[in-house]
Amino acid sequence: MKKYSTKEQKQYIDGLKRFESKGVPVYIDGQQVDEADWEKIFQVQEDGAFYMCDYVGSEEGTLKEIHFDRVYNR
């Protein structure tokens, strides 16, 4: 699993902020959370879980939502 540098994490978070400013909500573990909590998507949990991104599109072909859900690498 790739470790992201602080610079890469900031660039990714900045991208999420741009999407959110255009009305695309960001969900982590099924809940819409504050930007302050977004950094947790880069953390590997003690049990080996990590976050995977899923982009949800609308029927019109535009981005509707961004979801990060915990997955396990077994």
C-alpha atoms as a PDB file:
ATOM      1  CA  MET A   1       0.000   0.000   0.000  1.00  0.00           C
ATOM      2  CA  LYS A   2       1.326   3.418  -0.980  1.00  0.00           C
ATOM      3  CA  LYS A   3       2.231   5.905   1.735  1.00  0.00           C
ATOM      4  CA  TYR A   4       1.202   9.425   0.726  1.00  0.00           C
ATOM      5  CA  SER A   5       3.467  12.358   1.521  1.00  0.00           C
ATOM      6  CA  THR A   6       2.050  15.353   3.352  1.00  0.00           C
ATOM      7  CA  LYS A   7       2.168  17.298   0.073  1.00  0.00           C
ATOM      8  CA  GLU A   8       0.228  14.568  -1.777  1.00  0.00           C
ATOM      9  CA  GLN A   9      -2.355  14.384   1.008  1.00  0.00           C
ATOM     10  CA  LYS A  10      -2.840  18.167   0.885  1.00  0.00           C
ATOM     11  CA  GLN A  11      -3.283  18.082  -2.905  1.00  0.00           C
ATOM     12  CA  TYR A  12      -5.868  15.294  -2.602  1.00  0.00           C
ATOM     13  CA  ILE A  13      -7.780  17.116   0.167  1.00  0.00           C
ATOM     14  CA  ASP A  14      -7.694  20.315  -1.903  1.00  0.00           C
ATOM     15  CA  GLY A  15      -9.271  18.354  -4.770  1.00  0.00           C
ATOM     16  CA  LEU A  16     -12.022  17.079  -2.473  1.00  0.00           C
ATOM     17  CA  LYS A  17     -12.665  20.654  -1.338  1.00  0.00           C
ATOM     18  CA  ARG A  18     -13.083  21.751  -4.969  1.00  0.00           C
ATOM     19  CA  PHE A  19     -15.639  18.997  -5.585  1.00  0.00           C
ATOM     20  CA  GLU A  20     -17.509  19.827  -2.376  1.00  0.00           C
ATOM     21  CA  SER A  21     -17.609  23.516  -3.325  1.00  0.00           C
ATOM     22  CA  LYS A  22     -19.392  22.427  -6.520  1.00  0.00           C
ATOM     23  CA  GLY A  23     -22.056  20.574  -4.527  1.00  0.00           C
ATOM     24  CA  VAL A  24     -20.529  17.075  -4.492  1.00  0.00           C
ATOM     25  CA  PRO A  25     -20.776  15.748  -0.905  1.00  0.00           C
ATOM     26  CA  VAL A  26     -17.987  13.665   0.612  1.00  0.00           C
ATOM     27  CA  TYR A  27     -18.923  10.702   2.830  1.00  0.00           C
ATOM     28  CA  ILE A  28     -16.660   8.669   5.112  1.00  0.00           C
ATOM     29  CA  ASP A  29     -18.083   5.444   6.513  1.00  0.00           C
ATOM     30  CA  GLY A  30     -21.526   6.432   5.246  1.00  0.00           C
ATOM     31  CA  GLN A  31     -21.624   9.825   6.949  1.00  0.00           C
ATOM     32  CA  GLN A  32     -21.031  13.293   5.612  1.00  0.00           C
ATOM     33  CA  VAL A  33     -18.240  14.647   7.811  1.00  0.00           C
ATOM     34  CA  ASP A  34     -16.415  17.956   8.300  1.00  0.00           C
ATOM     35  CA  GLU A  35     -13.272  18.692   6.295  1.00  0.00           C
ATOM     36  CA  ALA A  36     -11.262  18.371   9.504  1.00  0.00           C
ATOM     37  CA  ASP A  37     -12.006  14.618   9.477  1.00  0.00           C
ATOM     38  CA  TRP A  38     -10.983  14.001   5.863  1.00  0.00           C
ATOM     39  CA  GLU A  39      -7.345  13.262   6.741  1.00  0.00           C
ATOM     40  CA  LYS A  40      -8.378   9.951   8.278  1.00  0.00           C
ATOM     41  CA  ILE A  41      -8.791   8.493   4.771  1.00  0.00           C
ATOM     42  CA  PHE A  42      -4.994   8.226   4.605  1.00  0.00           C
ATOM     43  CA  GLN A  43      -4.630   6.240   7.847  1.00  0.00           C
ATOM     44  CA  VAL A  44      -4.227   2.488   8.014  1.00  0.00           C
ATOM     45  CA  GLN A  45      -6.155   1.163  11.016  1.00  0.00           C
ATOM     46  CA  GLU A  46      -4.674  -1.139  13.652  1.00  0.00           C
ATOM     47  CA  ASP A  47      -6.654  -4.052  12.217  1.00  0.00           C
ATOM     48  CA  GLY A  48      -5.159  -3.433   8.746  1.00  0.00           C
ATOM     49  CA  ALA A  49      -8.226  -1.669   7.361  1.00  0.00           C
ATOM     50  CA  PHE A  50      -7.798   1.278   5.020  1.00  0.00           C
ATOM     51  CA  TYR A  51     -10.104   3.557   3.046  1.00  0.00           C
ATOM     52  CA  MET A  52     -11.111   3.023  -0.554  1.00  0.00           C
ATOM     53  CA  CYS A  53     -12.743   5.723  -2.633  1.00  0.00           C
ATOM     54  CA  ASP A  54     -15.899   5.238  -4.686  1.00  0.00           C
ATOM     55  CA  TYR A  55     -17.133   7.913  -7.070  1.00  0.00           C
ATOM     56  CA  VAL A  56     -20.923   7.871  -7.453  1.00  0.00           C
ATOM     57  CA  GLY A  57     -22.257   9.227 -10.717  1.00  0.00           C
ATOM     58  CA  SER A  58     -25.660  10.610 -11.602  1.00  0.00           C
ATOM     59  CA  GLU A  59     -27.818   9.411 -14.470  1.00  0.00           C
ATOM     60  CA  GLU A  60     -26.738  12.537 -16.376  1.00  0.00           C
ATOM     61  CA  GLY A  61     -23.114  11.382 -16.243  1.00  0.00           C
ATOM     62  CA  THR A  62     -21.881  13.899 -13.669  1.00  0.00           C
ATOM     63  CA  LEU A  63     -20.275  13.218 -10.319  1.00  0.00           C
ATOM     64  CA  LYS A  64     -22.953  12.985  -7.628  1.00  0.00           C
ATOM     65  CA  GLU A  65     -21.119  11.875  -4.449  1.00  0.00           C
ATOM     66  CA  ILE A  66     -17.705  10.727  -3.217  1.00  0.00           C
ATOM     67  CA  HIS A  67     -17.625   7.876  -0.701  1.00  0.00           C
ATOM     68  CA  PHE A  68     -14.736   6.520   1.362  1.00  0.00           C
ATOM     69  CA  ASP A  69     -15.413   3.182   2.987  1.00  0.00           C
ATOM     70  CA  ARG A  70     -13.187   1.065   5.167  1.00  0.00           C
ATOM     71  CA  VAL A  71     -11.954  -2.128   3.515  1.00  0.00           C
ATOM     72  CA  TYR A  72      -9.754  -4.925   4.805  1.00  0.00           C
ATOM     73  CA  ASN A  73      -6.692  -6.374   3.125  1.00  0.00           C
ATOM     74  CA  ARG A  74      -6.604 -10.024   4.150  1.00  0.00           C
END
